[in-house]
N, C-alpha and C. Protein backbone atom coordinates (compact mmCIF):
# COMPACT_ATOMS: atom_id res chain seq x y z
N MET A 1 -19.21 -86.04 133.42
CA MET A 1 -20.31 -86.15 132.51
C MET A 1 -19.78 -85.62 131.37
N ALA A 2 -19.86 -86.43 130.14
CA ALA A 2 -19.32 -85.52 128.87
C ALA A 2 -20.38 -84.66 128.17
N SER A 3 -19.79 -83.43 127.85
CA SER A 3 -20.70 -82.54 127.28
C SER A 3 -20.89 -82.53 125.65
N VAL A 4 -22.06 -82.34 125.35
CA VAL A 4 -22.14 -82.35 123.88
C VAL A 4 -22.11 -81.47 122.99
N VAL A 5 -21.43 -81.28 121.93
CA VAL A 5 -21.01 -79.93 121.48
C VAL A 5 -22.45 -79.64 120.48
N LYS A 6 -22.98 -78.52 120.67
CA LYS A 6 -24.01 -78.22 119.82
C LYS A 6 -23.57 -76.96 118.76
N TYR A 7 -23.54 -77.36 117.76
CA TYR A 7 -23.38 -76.49 116.35
C TYR A 7 -24.21 -75.43 116.01
N GLU A 8 -23.90 -74.51 115.85
CA GLU A 8 -24.59 -73.38 115.21
C GLU A 8 -24.82 -73.63 113.79
N ILE A 9 -25.88 -73.23 113.19
CA ILE A 9 -26.22 -73.39 111.81
C ILE A 9 -26.53 -71.92 111.24
N ASP A 10 -25.43 -71.84 110.09
CA ASP A 10 -25.50 -70.69 109.37
C ASP A 10 -25.81 -71.11 107.82
N PHE A 11 -26.43 -70.07 107.20
CA PHE A 11 -26.85 -70.35 105.87
C PHE A 11 -25.97 -69.42 104.86
N ALA A 12 -25.66 -69.88 103.78
CA ALA A 12 -25.12 -68.94 102.50
C ALA A 12 -26.07 -68.32 102.49
N GLY A 13 -26.00 -66.84 101.59
CA GLY A 13 -26.76 -65.98 101.26
C GLY A 13 -27.73 -66.47 99.98
N CYS A 14 -27.12 -67.42 99.06
CA CYS A 14 -27.86 -68.19 98.03
C CYS A 14 -29.14 -68.93 98.64
N VAL A 15 -29.14 -69.52 99.92
CA VAL A 15 -30.09 -70.59 100.33
C VAL A 15 -31.53 -69.73 100.47
N ASP A 16 -31.33 -68.62 100.33
CA ASP A 16 -32.71 -67.86 100.46
C ASP A 16 -33.23 -68.02 99.17
N HIS A 17 -32.60 -67.67 98.06
CA HIS A 17 -33.01 -67.94 96.63
C HIS A 17 -33.36 -69.20 96.32
N HIS A 18 -32.67 -70.36 96.72
CA HIS A 18 -33.00 -71.87 96.70
C HIS A 18 -34.20 -72.01 97.14
N MET A 19 -34.58 -71.54 98.63
CA MET A 19 -35.59 -71.95 99.27
C MET A 19 -37.11 -71.31 98.49
N THR A 20 -36.96 -70.24 97.46
CA THR A 20 -38.17 -69.80 96.79
C THR A 20 -38.53 -70.65 95.83
N PHE A 21 -37.89 -71.55 95.49
CA PHE A 21 -38.10 -72.65 94.64
C PHE A 21 -38.76 -74.06 95.20
N LEU A 22 -38.77 -74.17 96.54
CA LEU A 22 -39.55 -75.17 96.87
C LEU A 22 -40.89 -74.61 97.66
N THR A 23 -42.12 -75.68 97.59
CA THR A 23 -43.28 -75.41 98.44
C THR A 23 -42.86 -75.07 99.98
N ALA A 24 -44.09 -74.22 100.71
CA ALA A 24 -43.89 -73.98 101.94
C ALA A 24 -43.74 -75.28 103.00
N ARG A 25 -44.31 -76.53 102.57
CA ARG A 25 -44.16 -77.73 103.03
C ARG A 25 -42.89 -78.13 102.79
N GLN A 26 -42.07 -78.24 101.57
CA GLN A 26 -40.77 -78.37 101.41
C GLN A 26 -39.80 -77.48 102.58
N ARG A 27 -40.06 -76.33 102.40
CA ARG A 27 -39.19 -75.58 103.19
C ARG A 27 -39.30 -76.01 104.77
N ALA A 28 -40.39 -75.80 105.21
CA ALA A 28 -40.50 -76.46 106.60
C ALA A 28 -39.69 -77.92 106.91
N THR A 29 -39.99 -78.66 105.88
CA THR A 29 -39.41 -79.98 106.26
C THR A 29 -37.86 -80.02 106.15
N ILE A 30 -37.05 -79.06 105.22
CA ILE A 30 -35.65 -79.16 105.27
C ILE A 30 -35.36 -78.44 106.11
N LEU A 31 -36.01 -77.30 106.87
CA LEU A 31 -35.15 -76.49 107.88
C LEU A 31 -35.47 -77.33 109.19
N ASP A 32 -36.33 -78.07 109.13
CA ASP A 32 -36.57 -78.93 110.30
C ASP A 32 -35.53 -80.22 110.42
N ALA A 33 -35.63 -80.63 109.60
CA ALA A 33 -34.26 -81.58 109.13
C ALA A 33 -32.94 -81.06 109.27
N ILE A 34 -32.71 -79.83 108.97
CA ILE A 34 -31.38 -79.49 109.15
C ILE A 34 -31.18 -79.17 110.69
N GLU A 35 -32.17 -78.55 111.16
CA GLU A 35 -32.21 -78.27 112.85
C GLU A 35 -31.97 -79.57 113.48
N ARG A 36 -32.72 -80.55 113.11
CA ARG A 36 -32.56 -82.00 113.98
C ARG A 36 -31.09 -82.70 113.52
N HIS A 37 -30.69 -82.65 112.54
CA HIS A 37 -29.72 -83.55 112.23
C HIS A 37 -28.36 -82.87 112.09
N LEU A 38 -28.24 -81.70 111.97
CA LEU A 38 -27.00 -81.01 111.82
C LEU A 38 -26.48 -80.36 113.04
N ILE A 39 -27.49 -80.00 114.23
CA ILE A 39 -27.13 -79.42 115.41
C ILE A 39 -26.11 -79.94 116.33
N HIS A 40 -26.02 -81.66 116.04
CA HIS A 40 -24.96 -82.39 116.81
C HIS A 40 -24.35 -83.25 115.69
N GLN A 41 -22.97 -83.57 115.57
CA GLN A 41 -22.46 -84.49 114.95
C GLN A 41 -22.38 -84.37 113.55
N PRO A 42 -22.46 -83.13 113.06
CA PRO A 42 -22.82 -83.13 111.58
C PRO A 42 -21.94 -83.58 110.69
N LEU A 43 -20.62 -84.12 111.06
CA LEU A 43 -19.76 -84.73 110.15
C LEU A 43 -19.76 -86.16 110.56
N VAL A 44 -20.75 -86.96 111.09
CA VAL A 44 -20.92 -88.33 111.34
C VAL A 44 -21.67 -89.08 110.36
N LYS A 45 -21.44 -89.87 109.50
CA LYS A 45 -21.83 -90.50 108.58
C LYS A 45 -23.22 -91.35 109.11
N THR A 46 -24.34 -91.08 108.48
CA THR A 46 -25.73 -91.64 108.96
C THR A 46 -26.51 -92.27 107.64
N ARG A 47 -27.63 -92.77 107.96
CA ARG A 47 -28.53 -92.90 106.89
C ARG A 47 -28.92 -91.45 106.11
N ASN A 48 -29.02 -90.48 106.71
CA ASN A 48 -29.38 -89.42 105.95
C ASN A 48 -28.35 -88.46 105.79
N ARG A 49 -27.52 -88.71 106.26
CA ARG A 49 -25.74 -87.49 106.20
C ARG A 49 -25.10 -88.51 105.44
N LYS A 50 -24.29 -87.82 104.64
CA LYS A 50 -23.22 -88.65 103.83
C LYS A 50 -22.23 -87.67 103.05
N PRO A 51 -20.84 -87.90 103.21
CA PRO A 51 -20.06 -87.19 102.70
C PRO A 51 -20.08 -87.55 101.12
N LEU A 52 -19.54 -86.34 100.62
CA LEU A 52 -19.88 -86.52 98.91
C LEU A 52 -18.52 -86.82 98.20
N ASP A 53 -18.47 -87.31 97.18
CA ASP A 53 -17.07 -87.22 96.47
C ASP A 53 -16.60 -85.76 96.54
N PRO A 54 -15.75 -85.42 95.93
CA PRO A 54 -15.09 -84.07 95.49
C PRO A 54 -16.07 -83.64 94.56
N ASN A 55 -16.81 -82.21 94.83
CA ASN A 55 -17.65 -81.86 93.49
C ASN A 55 -17.41 -80.24 94.07
N ASP A 56 -18.15 -79.48 93.06
CA ASP A 56 -18.09 -78.25 92.82
C ASP A 56 -19.24 -77.45 94.11
N LEU A 57 -19.91 -78.44 94.83
CA LEU A 57 -21.03 -77.99 95.77
C LEU A 57 -20.64 -78.04 96.99
N ALA A 58 -20.59 -79.15 97.89
CA ALA A 58 -20.30 -79.37 99.16
C ALA A 58 -19.52 -80.49 99.26
N PRO A 59 -19.10 -80.77 100.35
CA PRO A 59 -18.60 -81.93 100.91
C PRO A 59 -19.40 -83.06 101.64
N TRP A 60 -20.38 -82.36 102.06
CA TRP A 60 -21.71 -83.14 102.83
C TRP A 60 -22.94 -83.00 102.34
N GLU A 61 -23.80 -83.95 102.15
CA GLU A 61 -25.19 -83.92 101.91
C GLU A 61 -26.22 -84.52 102.84
N LEU A 62 -27.40 -84.00 103.39
CA LEU A 62 -28.47 -84.13 104.11
C LEU A 62 -29.48 -84.58 103.16
N ARG A 63 -29.85 -85.96 103.46
CA ARG A 63 -31.31 -86.21 102.51
C ARG A 63 -32.31 -86.03 103.44
N VAL A 64 -33.58 -85.87 102.95
CA VAL A 64 -34.86 -86.02 103.63
C VAL A 64 -35.96 -86.11 102.48
N GLY A 65 -36.16 -87.66 102.32
CA GLY A 65 -36.84 -87.85 101.06
C GLY A 65 -36.39 -87.24 99.75
N GLY A 66 -37.16 -86.44 98.95
CA GLY A 66 -36.47 -85.84 97.75
C GLY A 66 -35.78 -84.54 98.01
N LEU A 67 -35.75 -84.28 99.07
CA LEU A 67 -34.84 -82.84 99.63
C LEU A 67 -33.71 -83.22 99.98
N ARG A 68 -32.85 -82.04 99.55
CA ARG A 68 -31.37 -82.05 100.02
C ARG A 68 -30.70 -81.03 100.30
N ALA A 69 -29.97 -80.71 101.45
CA ALA A 69 -29.36 -79.69 101.99
C ALA A 69 -27.83 -80.07 101.73
N PHE A 70 -27.09 -79.18 101.22
CA PHE A 70 -25.43 -79.52 100.99
C PHE A 70 -24.89 -78.66 102.13
N TYR A 71 -23.75 -79.09 102.65
CA TYR A 71 -23.16 -78.30 103.89
C TYR A 71 -21.63 -78.52 104.01
N GLU A 72 -21.19 -77.89 104.81
CA GLU A 72 -19.80 -78.15 105.16
C GLU A 72 -19.40 -77.32 106.66
N MET A 73 -18.38 -77.47 106.98
CA MET A 73 -18.00 -76.92 108.36
C MET A 73 -17.35 -75.59 107.85
N SER A 74 -17.68 -74.54 108.82
CA SER A 74 -16.87 -73.22 108.41
C SER A 74 -15.56 -73.25 108.91
N GLU A 75 -14.64 -72.97 107.86
CA GLU A 75 -13.12 -72.83 108.13
C GLU A 75 -12.91 -71.90 109.21
N SER A 76 -13.39 -70.71 109.22
CA SER A 76 -12.99 -69.96 110.19
C SER A 76 -13.73 -69.92 111.67
N ARG A 77 -14.84 -70.84 111.81
CA ARG A 77 -15.35 -71.21 113.15
C ARG A 77 -15.62 -72.39 112.99
N PRO A 78 -15.12 -73.35 113.73
CA PRO A 78 -15.13 -74.76 113.41
C PRO A 78 -16.63 -75.21 114.40
N ASP A 79 -17.26 -74.44 115.20
CA ASP A 79 -18.44 -74.77 115.79
C ASP A 79 -19.75 -74.50 114.84
N VAL A 80 -19.48 -73.97 113.58
CA VAL A 80 -20.70 -73.73 112.64
C VAL A 80 -20.80 -74.62 111.47
N VAL A 81 -21.73 -74.89 111.24
CA VAL A 81 -22.30 -75.69 109.95
C VAL A 81 -22.71 -74.58 109.00
N LEU A 82 -22.35 -74.68 107.86
CA LEU A 82 -22.81 -73.85 106.87
C LEU A 82 -23.38 -74.61 105.71
N VAL A 83 -24.51 -74.07 105.71
CA VAL A 83 -25.37 -74.95 104.53
C VAL A 83 -25.27 -73.89 103.36
N LEU A 84 -24.78 -74.76 102.46
CA LEU A 84 -24.19 -74.17 101.10
C LEU A 84 -25.74 -73.70 100.09
N ALA A 85 -26.51 -74.99 99.86
CA ALA A 85 -27.11 -75.21 99.02
C ALA A 85 -28.59 -76.03 99.40
N VAL A 86 -29.77 -75.68 98.80
CA VAL A 86 -30.78 -76.53 99.18
C VAL A 86 -31.34 -77.12 97.90
N GLY A 87 -31.90 -78.25 97.56
CA GLY A 87 -32.53 -78.47 96.45
C GLY A 87 -33.40 -79.85 96.26
N VAL A 88 -33.85 -80.17 95.30
CA VAL A 88 -34.82 -81.57 95.12
C VAL A 88 -34.18 -82.39 94.43
N LYS A 89 -33.96 -83.61 94.54
CA LYS A 89 -33.76 -84.94 93.72
C LYS A 89 -34.79 -85.44 93.13
N VAL A 90 -34.80 -85.56 91.87
CA VAL A 90 -35.79 -86.42 91.08
C VAL A 90 -35.18 -87.35 90.37
N ARG A 91 -35.42 -88.98 90.70
CA ARG A 91 -34.58 -89.65 90.20
C ARG A 91 -33.12 -89.46 90.43
N GLU A 92 -32.33 -89.58 89.29
CA GLU A 92 -31.21 -89.06 89.38
C GLU A 92 -30.44 -87.76 89.24
N ARG A 93 -31.73 -86.97 89.15
CA ARG A 93 -31.15 -85.13 88.67
C ARG A 93 -31.52 -84.59 89.79
N LEU A 94 -30.50 -83.67 90.19
CA LEU A 94 -30.55 -82.83 91.42
C LEU A 94 -30.77 -81.28 90.28
N TYR A 95 -32.26 -80.68 91.41
CA TYR A 95 -32.36 -79.48 91.10
C TYR A 95 -32.31 -78.39 92.15
N ILE A 96 -31.41 -77.41 91.66
CA ILE A 96 -31.05 -76.21 92.75
C ILE A 96 -31.79 -74.90 92.25
N ALA A 97 -32.40 -74.28 92.78
CA ALA A 97 -33.09 -73.14 92.28
C ALA A 97 -33.75 -73.22 90.59
N GLY A 98 -34.28 -74.53 90.66
CA GLY A 98 -35.04 -74.63 89.33
C GLY A 98 -33.83 -74.98 88.36
N GLU A 99 -32.79 -75.15 88.54
CA GLU A 99 -31.94 -75.46 87.71
C GLU A 99 -31.19 -76.84 87.97
N GLU A 100 -31.22 -77.62 86.66
CA GLU A 100 -30.41 -79.09 87.14
C GLU A 100 -29.11 -78.82 87.31
N PHE A 101 -28.28 -79.34 88.58
CA PHE A 101 -27.15 -79.34 88.88
C PHE A 101 -26.42 -80.52 88.59
N PRO A 102 -25.32 -80.48 88.29
CA PRO A 102 -24.46 -82.05 88.11
C PRO A 102 -23.92 -82.22 89.44
N LEU A 103 -23.77 -83.51 89.84
CA LEU A 103 -23.19 -83.85 90.86
C LEU A 103 -22.29 -84.84 90.60
């Protein structure tokens, strides 16, 4: 029987600050989605997960409605998913910590 790899989720220090710009409901939604979607096979493209074109933020994006989590695999620990930022997408604009962020 093949074992399923379970990844550990870690958050960059700035994510706490990003979360303060979300409502309590948005925080709960994005944290639940991170737990459900990134704990197994975080580098497999799905409807809600996709690799991004090279940018200054992160190589991967998790989408949950208008919410976004940006992440990468830890270089020092390959079993750890590092969430680098969370934000809100409104039409074609992304807001992280209340500021528009170009992607």
